[in-house]
Amino acid sequence: MAVIGGGIIGICAATLLSEAGCGVTVFDRTGICEETSSGNAAAFAFSDVLPLAHKGMIRHLPKWLADPLGPLAIPPAYLPKLLPWLIRFWRAGAAKHYETSLATQAGMMKLAETEWMDLLDRSGTRPMLREDGSLEFYESEAEFRASLPGWAERQRFGIGFRHVEGEEMAALQPGLSPRFVKGTFVPGWK
């Protein structure tokens, strides 16, 4: 059996096929986990369940497009080709779709975490996993307050976190710039 692509999906598929007794060869044009899977720092953000498409997101689009280092950088010449997808993405962010998208994403992440941990256990590689958690930082009280509805949504789906500041924040991230006034620690981030 041939698996095309040596990213996380291809490797997991190859592992499951091999465990089922199939002979498997993985083909990748550059090498195992050297493309898309190399850019995620080998981190699994199972707590990131908030839909990217959401009400109000579209108002950020001009600022994001104007910033070449922003979260959405599209070469101007490519924009007409991408426009149909952007319209579908915008529609998916309608308030009437948000709850379903959130519940679906949370369910997928819970399943992915369970399956991933099981795979690590079966392969004997779980001791190699670092479970240090992650920190999100805020440069102002207003920025922190704006994040609270998202944390409330995560809490509804059993995602653990705690808000930190001062000495606790400094202990979690030594040498942190003083411009950050608060943070949120997510212990389940792997």
N, C-alpha and C. Protein backbone atom coordinates (compact mmCIF):
# COMPACT_ATOMS: atom_id res chain seq x y z
N MET A 1 0.85 -1.16 0.00
CA MET A 1 0.00 0.00 0.00
C MET A 1 0.91 1.23 0.00
N ALA A 2 0.52 2.23 -0.78
CA ALA A 2 1.29 3.47 -0.87
C ALA A 2 0.51 4.60 -0.21
N VAL A 3 1.20 5.39 0.58
CA VAL A 3 0.63 6.60 1.16
C VAL A 3 1.41 7.77 0.57
N ILE A 4 0.69 8.69 -0.06
CA ILE A 4 1.32 9.86 -0.66
C ILE A 4 1.25 11.01 0.34
N GLY A 5 2.39 11.45 0.79
CA GLY A 5 2.46 12.57 1.73
C GLY A 5 2.92 12.10 3.10
N GLY A 6 4.03 12.67 3.54
CA GLY A 6 4.62 12.29 4.82
C GLY A 6 4.40 13.31 5.92
N GLY A 7 3.28 14.01 5.86
CA GLY A 7 2.92 14.91 6.95
C GLY A 7 2.22 14.12 8.05
N ILE A 8 1.67 14.81 9.01
CA ILE A 8 1.05 14.15 10.15
C ILE A 8 -0.09 13.23 9.73
N ILE A 9 -0.89 13.65 8.74
CA ILE A 9 -2.00 12.82 8.28
C ILE A 9 -1.48 11.57 7.59
N GLY A 10 -0.52 11.74 6.69
CA GLY A 10 0.05 10.59 5.99
C GLY A 10 0.72 9.60 6.93
N ILE A 11 1.46 10.11 7.90
CA ILE A 11 2.15 9.22 8.84
C ILE A 11 1.14 8.47 9.71
N CYS A 12 0.10 9.16 10.16
CA CYS A 12 -0.93 8.48 10.95
C CYS A 12 -1.65 7.42 10.12
N ALA A 13 -1.99 7.75 8.87
CA ALA A 13 -2.65 6.77 7.99
C ALA A 13 -1.74 5.56 7.78
N ALA A 14 -0.46 5.80 7.52
CA ALA A 14 0.48 4.71 7.31
C ALA A 14 0.61 3.84 8.56
N THR A 15 0.63 4.46 9.72
CA THR A 15 0.72 3.71 10.97
C THR A 15 -0.49 2.81 11.17
N LEU A 16 -1.68 3.37 10.97
CA LEU A 16 -2.90 2.58 11.14
C LEU A 16 -2.98 1.45 10.12
N LEU A 17 -2.58 1.69 8.88
CA LEU A 17 -2.57 0.63 7.87
C LEU A 17 -1.57 -0.46 8.24
N SER A 18 -0.40 -0.05 8.71
CA SER A 18 0.62 -1.01 9.13
C SER A 18 0.13 -1.86 10.30
N GLU A 19 -0.52 -1.21 11.27
CA GLU A 19 -1.06 -1.96 12.42
C GLU A 19 -2.14 -2.94 11.99
N ALA A 20 -2.82 -2.64 10.87
CA ALA A 20 -3.86 -3.54 10.35
C ALA A 20 -3.26 -4.66 9.51
N GLY A 21 -1.93 -4.69 9.39
CA GLY A 21 -1.27 -5.78 8.69
C GLY A 21 -0.88 -5.48 7.25
N CYS A 22 -1.07 -4.28 6.79
CA CYS A 22 -0.71 -3.92 5.42
C CYS A 22 0.77 -3.55 5.35
N GLY A 23 1.39 -3.90 4.23
CA GLY A 23 2.72 -3.39 3.95
C GLY A 23 2.56 -1.97 3.42
N VAL A 24 3.28 -1.02 3.97
CA VAL A 24 3.06 0.39 3.63
C VAL A 24 4.38 1.05 3.26
N THR A 25 4.32 1.85 2.19
CA THR A 25 5.44 2.72 1.82
C THR A 25 4.91 4.14 1.76
N VAL A 26 5.61 5.06 2.41
CA VAL A 26 5.23 6.47 2.40
C VAL A 26 6.10 7.20 1.38
N PHE A 27 5.45 7.92 0.48
CA PHE A 27 6.15 8.73 -0.51
C PHE A 27 5.93 10.20 -0.20
N ASP A 28 7.02 10.94 -0.16
CA ASP A 28 6.91 12.38 0.05
C ASP A 28 8.01 13.04 -0.77
N ARG A 29 7.69 14.12 -1.42
CA ARG A 29 8.65 14.74 -2.33
C ARG A 29 9.84 15.37 -1.62
N THR A 30 9.69 15.72 -0.34
CA THR A 30 10.81 16.36 0.35
C THR A 30 11.29 15.60 1.58
N GLY A 31 10.46 14.82 2.19
CA GLY A 31 10.85 14.09 3.39
C GLY A 31 9.74 14.13 4.43
N ILE A 32 9.86 13.25 5.39
CA ILE A 32 8.82 13.10 6.41
C ILE A 32 8.70 14.39 7.22
N CYS A 33 7.50 14.90 7.29
CA CYS A 33 7.14 16.09 8.08
C CYS A 33 8.00 17.31 7.77
N GLU A 34 8.41 17.46 6.51
CA GLU A 34 9.25 18.60 6.14
C GLU A 34 8.49 19.74 5.49
N GLU A 35 7.20 19.57 5.24
CA GLU A 35 6.47 20.66 4.61
C GLU A 35 5.46 21.24 5.60
N THR A 36 4.20 21.07 5.38
CA THR A 36 3.19 21.68 6.26
C THR A 36 3.41 21.31 7.72
N SER A 37 3.69 20.04 7.98
CA SER A 37 3.85 19.61 9.37
C SER A 37 5.10 20.18 10.03
N SER A 38 6.01 20.76 9.26
CA SER A 38 7.20 21.33 9.88
C SER A 38 6.94 22.72 10.44
N GLY A 39 5.89 23.37 9.99
CA GLY A 39 5.64 24.75 10.39
C GLY A 39 4.82 24.92 11.65
N ASN A 40 4.45 23.83 12.30
CA ASN A 40 3.59 23.96 13.47
C ASN A 40 4.33 23.69 14.77
N ALA A 41 5.65 23.68 14.71
CA ALA A 41 6.49 23.46 15.90
C ALA A 41 6.18 22.14 16.58
N ALA A 42 5.60 21.21 15.83
CA ALA A 42 5.22 19.89 16.36
C ALA A 42 4.29 20.02 17.56
N ALA A 43 3.51 21.07 17.57
CA ALA A 43 2.58 21.31 18.67
C ALA A 43 1.17 20.92 18.26
N PHE A 44 0.41 20.48 19.24
CA PHE A 44 -0.98 20.11 19.02
C PHE A 44 -1.85 21.00 19.89
N ALA A 45 -2.57 21.87 19.24
CA ALA A 45 -3.39 22.86 19.93
C ALA A 45 -4.81 22.36 20.05
N PHE A 46 -5.00 21.31 20.84
CA PHE A 46 -6.33 20.71 20.98
C PHE A 46 -7.32 21.67 21.63
N SER A 47 -6.83 22.72 22.24
CA SER A 47 -7.71 23.70 22.88
C SER A 47 -8.19 24.77 21.90
N ASP A 48 -7.64 24.80 20.71
CA ASP A 48 -8.01 25.83 19.73
C ASP A 48 -9.27 25.39 18.99
N VAL A 49 -10.40 25.64 19.60
CA VAL A 49 -11.68 25.17 19.05
C VAL A 49 -12.54 26.29 18.49
N LEU A 50 -12.16 27.53 18.69
CA LEU A 50 -12.98 28.63 18.20
C LEU A 50 -12.91 28.69 16.68
N PRO A 51 -14.05 28.74 16.00
CA PRO A 51 -14.04 28.79 14.53
C PRO A 51 -13.30 30.02 14.02
N LEU A 52 -12.49 29.83 13.00
CA LEU A 52 -11.79 30.97 12.40
C LEU A 52 -12.78 31.91 11.75
N ALA A 53 -13.81 31.34 11.13
CA ALA A 53 -14.86 32.17 10.53
C ALA A 53 -15.88 32.48 11.62
N HIS A 54 -16.03 33.76 11.93
CA HIS A 54 -16.97 34.15 12.96
C HIS A 54 -17.50 35.56 12.68
N LYS A 55 -18.62 35.86 13.32
CA LYS A 55 -19.25 37.16 13.14
C LYS A 55 -18.27 38.28 13.50
N GLY A 56 -18.17 39.26 12.67
CA GLY A 56 -17.30 40.40 12.94
C GLY A 56 -15.89 40.24 12.41
N MET A 57 -15.53 39.04 11.98
CA MET A 57 -14.18 38.80 11.51
C MET A 57 -13.87 39.61 10.25
N ILE A 58 -14.87 39.79 9.40
CA ILE A 58 -14.66 40.45 8.12
C ILE A 58 -14.17 41.89 8.28
N ARG A 59 -14.52 42.53 9.40
CA ARG A 59 -14.09 43.92 9.58
C ARG A 59 -12.57 44.04 9.75
N HIS A 60 -11.92 42.93 10.10
CA HIS A 60 -10.46 42.94 10.25
C HIS A 60 -9.74 42.73 8.92
N LEU A 61 -10.46 42.28 7.91
CA LEU A 61 -9.86 41.90 6.64
C LEU A 61 -8.99 42.99 6.02
N PRO A 62 -9.45 44.23 5.89
CA PRO A 62 -8.58 45.25 5.27
C PRO A 62 -7.25 45.43 6.00
N LYS A 63 -7.30 45.46 7.32
CA LYS A 63 -6.06 45.62 8.11
C LYS A 63 -5.13 44.43 7.90
N TRP A 64 -5.70 43.22 7.93
CA TRP A 64 -4.89 42.02 7.74
C TRP A 64 -4.25 41.99 6.36
N LEU A 65 -5.03 42.35 5.34
CA LEU A 65 -4.50 42.33 3.98
C LEU A 65 -3.42 43.39 3.77
N ALA A 66 -3.51 44.50 4.49
CA ALA A 66 -2.52 45.57 4.36
C ALA A 66 -1.21 45.24 5.06
N ASP A 67 -1.22 44.28 5.97
CA ASP A 67 -0.04 43.92 6.75
C ASP A 67 0.60 42.66 6.16
N PRO A 68 1.77 42.78 5.50
CA PRO A 68 2.38 41.60 4.89
C PRO A 68 2.79 40.52 5.89
N LEU A 69 2.88 40.87 7.16
CA LEU A 69 3.20 39.89 8.20
C LEU A 69 1.98 39.54 9.04
N GLY A 70 0.82 40.00 8.63
CA GLY A 70 -0.40 39.75 9.38
C GLY A 70 -0.91 38.33 9.21
N PRO A 71 -2.02 38.01 9.86
CA PRO A 71 -2.53 36.65 9.83
C PRO A 71 -3.13 36.24 8.48
N LEU A 72 -3.32 37.19 7.59
CA LEU A 72 -3.87 36.88 6.27
C LEU A 72 -3.13 37.74 5.25
N ALA A 73 -2.17 37.14 4.59
CA ALA A 73 -1.39 37.84 3.57
C ALA A 73 -1.72 37.21 2.22
N ILE A 74 -2.33 38.00 1.34
CA ILE A 74 -2.70 37.51 0.02
C ILE A 74 -2.09 38.46 -1.01
N PRO A 75 -1.30 37.93 -1.93
CA PRO A 75 -0.79 38.80 -2.99
C PRO A 75 -1.97 39.41 -3.75
N PRO A 76 -1.96 40.71 -3.99
CA PRO A 76 -3.10 41.36 -4.65
C PRO A 76 -3.52 40.69 -5.96
N ALA A 77 -2.57 40.19 -6.73
CA ALA A 77 -2.91 39.55 -8.01
C ALA A 77 -3.70 38.25 -7.80
N TYR A 78 -3.57 37.64 -6.64
CA TYR A 78 -4.26 36.37 -6.37
C TYR A 78 -5.66 36.58 -5.80
N LEU A 79 -5.95 37.77 -5.34
CA LEU A 79 -7.23 38.06 -4.69
C LEU A 79 -8.45 37.71 -5.56
N PRO A 80 -8.48 38.06 -6.85
CA PRO A 80 -9.66 37.69 -7.64
C PRO A 80 -9.90 36.18 -7.70
N LYS A 81 -8.85 35.41 -7.77
CA LYS A 81 -8.98 33.95 -7.81
C LYS A 81 -9.47 33.41 -6.46
N LEU A 82 -9.07 34.05 -5.39
CA LEU A 82 -9.42 33.60 -4.05
C LEU A 82 -10.79 34.12 -3.59
N LEU A 83 -11.30 35.12 -4.26
CA LEU A 83 -12.53 35.78 -3.84
C LEU A 83 -13.71 34.82 -3.61
N PRO A 84 -13.98 33.85 -4.48
CA PRO A 84 -15.10 32.93 -4.21
C PRO A 84 -14.94 32.19 -2.87
N TRP A 85 -13.71 31.77 -2.57
CA TRP A 85 -13.47 31.09 -1.29
C TRP A 85 -13.68 32.06 -0.13
N LEU A 86 -13.18 33.27 -0.26
CA LEU A 86 -13.35 34.26 0.81
C LEU A 86 -14.82 34.55 1.08
N ILE A 87 -15.63 34.58 0.04
CA ILE A 87 -17.07 34.81 0.23
C ILE A 87 -17.70 33.64 0.99
N ARG A 88 -17.33 32.41 0.63
CA ARG A 88 -17.85 31.24 1.36
C ARG A 88 -17.39 31.26 2.82
N PHE A 89 -16.13 31.65 3.04
CA PHE A 89 -15.59 31.73 4.39
C PHE A 89 -16.36 32.77 5.20
N TRP A 90 -16.62 33.92 4.59
CA TRP A 90 -17.39 34.99 5.25
C TRP A 90 -18.78 34.49 5.61
N ARG A 91 -19.45 33.80 4.69
CA ARG A 91 -20.79 33.27 4.97
C ARG A 91 -20.76 32.23 6.08
N ALA A 92 -19.72 31.43 6.12
CA ALA A 92 -19.60 30.42 7.18
C ALA A 92 -19.48 31.07 8.55
N GLY A 93 -19.04 32.32 8.58
CA GLY A 93 -18.89 33.03 9.84
C GLY A 93 -20.16 33.67 10.35
N ALA A 94 -21.27 33.48 9.66
CA ALA A 94 -22.55 34.05 10.12
C ALA A 94 -22.91 33.50 11.49
N ALA A 95 -23.52 34.33 12.30
CA ALA A 95 -23.88 33.94 13.67
C ALA A 95 -24.68 32.65 13.71
N LYS A 96 -25.53 32.41 12.72
CA LYS A 96 -26.37 31.20 12.73
C LYS A 96 -25.55 29.92 12.58
N HIS A 97 -24.31 30.01 12.08
CA HIS A 97 -23.46 28.83 11.92
C HIS A 97 -22.46 28.65 13.06
N TYR A 98 -22.29 29.68 13.87
CA TYR A 98 -21.20 29.69 14.85
C TYR A 98 -21.29 28.53 15.85
N GLU A 99 -22.43 28.33 16.47
CA GLU A 99 -22.55 27.30 17.51
C GLU A 99 -22.28 25.91 16.95
N THR A 100 -22.82 25.62 15.77
CA THR A 100 -22.57 24.32 15.15
C THR A 100 -21.09 24.15 14.83
N SER A 101 -20.48 25.19 14.29
CA SER A 101 -19.05 25.13 13.97
C SER A 101 -18.21 24.92 15.22
N LEU A 102 -18.55 25.64 16.28
CA LEU A 102 -17.82 25.52 17.54
C LEU A 102 -17.94 24.10 18.11
N ALA A 103 -19.15 23.58 18.18
CA ALA A 103 -19.36 22.23 18.73
C ALA A 103 -18.66 21.18 17.87
N THR A 104 -18.72 21.35 16.56
CA THR A 104 -18.06 20.40 15.66
C THR A 104 -16.55 20.44 15.84
N GLN A 105 -15.99 21.64 15.89
CA GLN A 105 -14.54 21.78 16.07
C GLN A 105 -14.11 21.20 17.42
N ALA A 106 -14.86 21.49 18.47
CA ALA A 106 -14.52 20.96 19.80
C ALA A 106 -14.57 19.44 19.79
N GLY A 107 -15.59 18.87 19.15
CA GLY A 107 -15.70 17.42 19.07
C GLY A 107 -14.56 16.79 18.30
N MET A 108 -14.18 17.42 17.19
CA MET A 108 -13.06 16.90 16.39
C MET A 108 -11.76 16.96 17.17
N MET A 109 -11.54 18.06 17.89
CA MET A 109 -10.30 18.19 18.65
C MET A 109 -10.24 17.18 19.80
N LYS A 110 -11.36 16.93 20.44
CA LYS A 110 -11.40 15.94 21.52
C LYS A 110 -11.07 14.55 20.97
N LEU A 111 -11.68 14.20 19.84
CA LEU A 111 -11.39 12.92 19.19
C LEU A 111 -9.93 12.85 18.75
N ALA A 112 -9.43 13.92 18.14
CA ALA A 112 -8.04 13.94 17.68
C ALA A 112 -7.07 13.75 18.84
N GLU A 113 -7.34 14.40 19.96
CA GLU A 113 -6.46 14.25 21.12
C GLU A 113 -6.48 12.82 21.64
N THR A 114 -7.66 12.24 21.75
CA THR A 114 -7.78 10.85 22.22
C THR A 114 -7.03 9.90 21.30
N GLU A 115 -7.25 10.04 20.00
CA GLU A 115 -6.59 9.16 19.03
C GLU A 115 -5.08 9.37 19.02
N TRP A 116 -4.65 10.63 19.12
CA TRP A 116 -3.22 10.92 19.10
C TRP A 116 -2.52 10.34 20.33
N MET A 117 -3.11 10.52 21.49
CA MET A 117 -2.50 9.97 22.70
C MET A 117 -2.44 8.44 22.64
N ASP A 118 -3.49 7.83 22.09
CA ASP A 118 -3.52 6.38 21.94
C ASP A 118 -2.41 5.92 20.99
N LEU A 119 -2.22 6.65 19.90
CA LEU A 119 -1.16 6.32 18.95
C LEU A 119 0.21 6.45 19.60
N LEU A 120 0.42 7.50 20.38
CA LEU A 120 1.70 7.66 21.08
C LEU A 120 1.93 6.52 22.07
N ASP A 121 0.88 6.12 22.77
CA ASP A 121 1.00 5.00 23.72
C ASP A 121 1.36 3.71 22.99
N ARG A 122 0.67 3.43 21.89
CA ARG A 122 0.92 2.19 21.15
C ARG A 122 2.31 2.16 20.54
N SER A 123 2.82 3.31 20.15
CA SER A 123 4.14 3.36 19.52
C SER A 123 5.28 3.47 20.54
N GLY A 124 4.93 3.66 21.81
CA GLY A 124 5.95 3.80 22.84
C GLY A 124 6.65 5.15 22.83
N THR A 125 6.07 6.11 22.15
CA THR A 125 6.71 7.43 22.03
C THR A 125 6.11 8.48 22.96
N ARG A 126 5.15 8.10 23.77
CA ARG A 126 4.52 9.10 24.66
C ARG A 126 5.53 9.79 25.58
N PRO A 127 6.55 9.08 26.09
CA PRO A 127 7.52 9.78 26.94
C PRO A 127 8.26 10.91 26.22
N MET A 128 8.24 10.92 24.90
CA MET A 128 8.91 11.97 24.13
C MET A 128 8.05 13.23 24.03
N LEU A 129 6.78 13.13 24.38
CA LEU A 129 5.86 14.25 24.26
C LEU A 129 6.09 15.24 25.40
N ARG A 130 6.27 16.49 25.04
CA ARG A 130 6.36 17.55 26.05
C ARG A 130 4.97 18.13 26.25
N GLU A 131 4.52 18.16 27.47
CA GLU A 131 3.21 18.72 27.79
C GLU A 131 3.40 19.94 28.68
N ASP A 132 3.98 20.98 28.08
CA ASP A 132 4.31 22.20 28.80
C ASP A 132 3.18 23.21 28.82
N GLY A 133 2.16 22.99 28.01
CA GLY A 133 1.09 23.96 27.90
C GLY A 133 1.49 25.12 27.01
N SER A 134 0.63 26.11 26.95
CA SER A 134 0.93 27.30 26.16
C SER A 134 0.43 28.54 26.89
N LEU A 135 0.96 29.66 26.49
CA LEU A 135 0.56 30.94 27.07
C LEU A 135 0.11 31.87 25.96
N GLU A 136 -0.99 32.56 26.19
CA GLU A 136 -1.40 33.65 25.31
C GLU A 136 -1.27 34.92 26.14
N PHE A 137 -0.63 35.93 25.55
CA PHE A 137 -0.35 37.16 26.29
C PHE A 137 -1.18 38.32 25.77
N TYR A 138 -1.43 39.27 26.65
CA TYR A 138 -2.22 40.45 26.33
C TYR A 138 -1.44 41.70 26.73
N GLU A 139 -1.44 42.67 25.82
CA GLU A 139 -0.69 43.91 26.06
C GLU A 139 -1.52 44.96 26.78
N SER A 140 -2.80 44.71 26.99
CA SER A 140 -3.63 45.68 27.69
C SER A 140 -4.79 44.95 28.37
N GLU A 141 -5.35 45.60 29.34
CA GLU A 141 -6.53 45.07 30.02
C GLU A 141 -7.69 44.92 29.03
N ALA A 142 -7.81 45.87 28.10
CA ALA A 142 -8.89 45.82 27.10
C ALA A 142 -8.72 44.60 26.19
N GLU A 143 -7.49 44.33 25.79
CA GLU A 143 -7.23 43.15 24.94
C GLU A 143 -7.57 41.87 25.69
N PHE A 144 -7.21 41.82 26.97
CA PHE A 144 -7.54 40.66 27.80
C PHE A 144 -9.06 40.49 27.90
N ARG A 145 -9.77 41.57 28.22
CA ARG A 145 -11.24 41.50 28.35
C ARG A 145 -11.89 41.05 27.05
N ALA A 146 -11.34 41.48 25.93
CA ALA A 146 -11.89 41.08 24.62
C ALA A 146 -11.74 39.58 24.38
N SER A 147 -10.78 38.95 25.04
CA SER A 147 -10.57 37.51 24.86
C SER A 147 -11.50 36.66 25.72
N LEU A 148 -12.11 37.25 26.73
CA LEU A 148 -12.88 36.47 27.70
C LEU A 148 -14.05 35.68 27.11
N PRO A 149 -14.82 36.22 26.16
CA PRO A 149 -15.89 35.39 25.59
C PRO A 149 -15.36 34.10 24.95
N GLY A 150 -14.22 34.17 24.30
CA GLY A 150 -13.63 32.97 23.71
C GLY A 150 -13.23 31.95 24.76
N TRP A 151 -12.71 32.43 25.89
CA TRP A 151 -12.35 31.50 26.96
C TRP A 151 -13.59 30.88 27.58
N ALA A 152 -14.66 31.64 27.68
CA ALA A 152 -15.92 31.09 28.19
C ALA A 152 -16.43 29.99 27.26
N GLU A 153 -16.29 30.18 25.96
CA GLU A 153 -16.70 29.14 25.00
C GLU A 153 -15.85 27.88 25.18
N ARG A 154 -14.55 28.05 25.33
CA ARG A 154 -13.68 26.88 25.54
C ARG A 154 -14.06 26.15 26.83
N GLN A 155 -14.36 26.91 27.87
CA GLN A 155 -14.72 26.31 29.16
C GLN A 155 -15.97 25.45 29.02
N ARG A 156 -16.93 25.88 28.22
CA ARG A 156 -18.15 25.09 27.98
C ARG A 156 -17.83 23.69 27.46
N PHE A 157 -16.71 23.56 26.75
CA PHE A 157 -16.34 22.28 26.17
C PHE A 157 -15.23 21.58 26.95
N GLY A 158 -15.05 21.99 28.20
CA GLY A 158 -14.15 21.28 29.10
C GLY A 158 -12.67 21.56 28.89
N ILE A 159 -12.34 22.64 28.24
CA ILE A 159 -10.94 22.97 28.01
C ILE A 159 -10.42 23.75 29.21
N GLY A 160 -9.38 23.23 29.81
CA GLY A 160 -8.83 23.85 31.00
C GLY A 160 -7.89 25.00 30.67
N PHE A 161 -7.92 26.01 31.51
CA PHE A 161 -7.04 27.16 31.37
C PHE A 161 -7.09 27.95 32.67
N ARG A 162 -6.14 28.85 32.82
CA ARG A 162 -6.23 29.81 33.93
C ARG A 162 -5.59 31.11 33.48
N HIS A 163 -6.20 32.19 33.92
CA HIS A 163 -5.67 33.51 33.61
C HIS A 163 -4.57 33.82 34.62
N VAL A 164 -3.49 34.41 34.14
CA VAL A 164 -2.33 34.68 34.99
C VAL A 164 -1.86 36.12 34.79
N GLU A 165 -1.16 36.61 35.80
CA GLU A 165 -0.54 37.93 35.72
C GLU A 165 0.59 37.99 36.73
N GLY A 166 1.35 39.05 36.69
CA GLY A 166 2.39 39.29 37.68
C GLY A 166 3.40 38.18 37.82
N GLU A 167 3.65 37.79 39.08
CA GLU A 167 4.69 36.80 39.38
C GLU A 167 4.38 35.44 38.78
N GLU A 168 3.11 35.05 38.78
CA GLU A 168 2.76 33.75 38.20
C GLU A 168 3.07 33.72 36.70
N MET A 169 2.77 34.81 36.02
CA MET A 169 3.05 34.89 34.59
C MET A 169 4.56 34.87 34.35
N ALA A 170 5.30 35.61 35.16
CA ALA A 170 6.76 35.65 35.04
C ALA A 170 7.39 34.29 35.32
N ALA A 171 6.82 33.54 36.25
CA ALA A 171 7.34 32.21 36.56
C ALA A 171 7.11 31.25 35.39
N LEU A 172 5.99 31.40 34.71
CA LEU A 172 5.70 30.54 33.57
C LEU A 172 6.55 30.90 32.35
N GLN A 173 6.89 32.18 32.21
CA GLN A 173 7.67 32.64 31.07
C GLN A 173 8.72 33.64 31.53
N PRO A 174 9.85 33.14 32.05
CA PRO A 174 10.91 34.04 32.52
C PRO A 174 11.41 34.94 31.39
N GLY A 175 11.74 36.17 31.74
CA GLY A 175 12.28 37.12 30.78
C GLY A 175 11.24 37.77 29.88
N LEU A 176 9.98 37.61 30.23
CA LEU A 176 8.90 38.16 29.42
C LEU A 176 8.94 39.69 29.45
N SER A 177 8.68 40.28 28.32
CA SER A 177 8.64 41.74 28.22
C SER A 177 7.58 42.30 29.16
N PRO A 178 7.86 43.42 29.82
CA PRO A 178 6.88 44.02 30.72
C PRO A 178 5.67 44.61 30.00
N ARG A 179 5.69 44.65 28.67
CA ARG A 179 4.53 45.20 27.95
C ARG A 179 3.31 44.28 28.07
N PHE A 180 3.51 43.02 28.45
CA PHE A 180 2.39 42.10 28.61
C PHE A 180 1.84 42.21 30.03
N VAL A 181 0.56 42.53 30.14
CA VAL A 181 -0.04 42.77 31.45
C VAL A 181 -0.78 41.55 32.01
N LYS A 182 -1.25 40.69 31.13
CA LYS A 182 -1.95 39.47 31.55
C LYS A 182 -1.67 38.37 30.55
N GLY A 183 -2.02 37.17 30.97
CA GLY A 183 -1.88 36.02 30.09
C GLY A 183 -2.91 34.97 30.43
N THR A 184 -3.01 33.99 29.57
CA THR A 184 -3.85 32.83 29.83
C THR A 184 -3.01 31.60 29.57
N PHE A 185 -2.92 30.74 30.57
CA PHE A 185 -2.14 29.50 30.48
C PHE A 185 -3.09 28.36 30.16
N VAL A 186 -2.74 27.58 29.14
CA VAL A 186 -3.54 26.42 28.72
C VAL A 186 -2.68 25.18 28.92
N PRO A 187 -2.88 24.44 30.03
CA PRO A 187 -2.01 23.30 30.32
C PRO A 187 -2.16 22.14 29.34
N GLY A 188 -3.31 22.02 28.67
CA GLY A 188 -3.54 20.88 27.79
C GLY A 188 -2.93 21.00 26.41
N TRP A 189 -2.29 22.12 26.12
CA TRP A 189 -1.64 22.30 24.82
C TRP A 189 -0.41 21.43 24.80
N LYS A 190 -0.24 20.63 23.79
CA LYS A 190 0.89 19.69 23.74
C LYS A 190 1.84 20.05 22.62
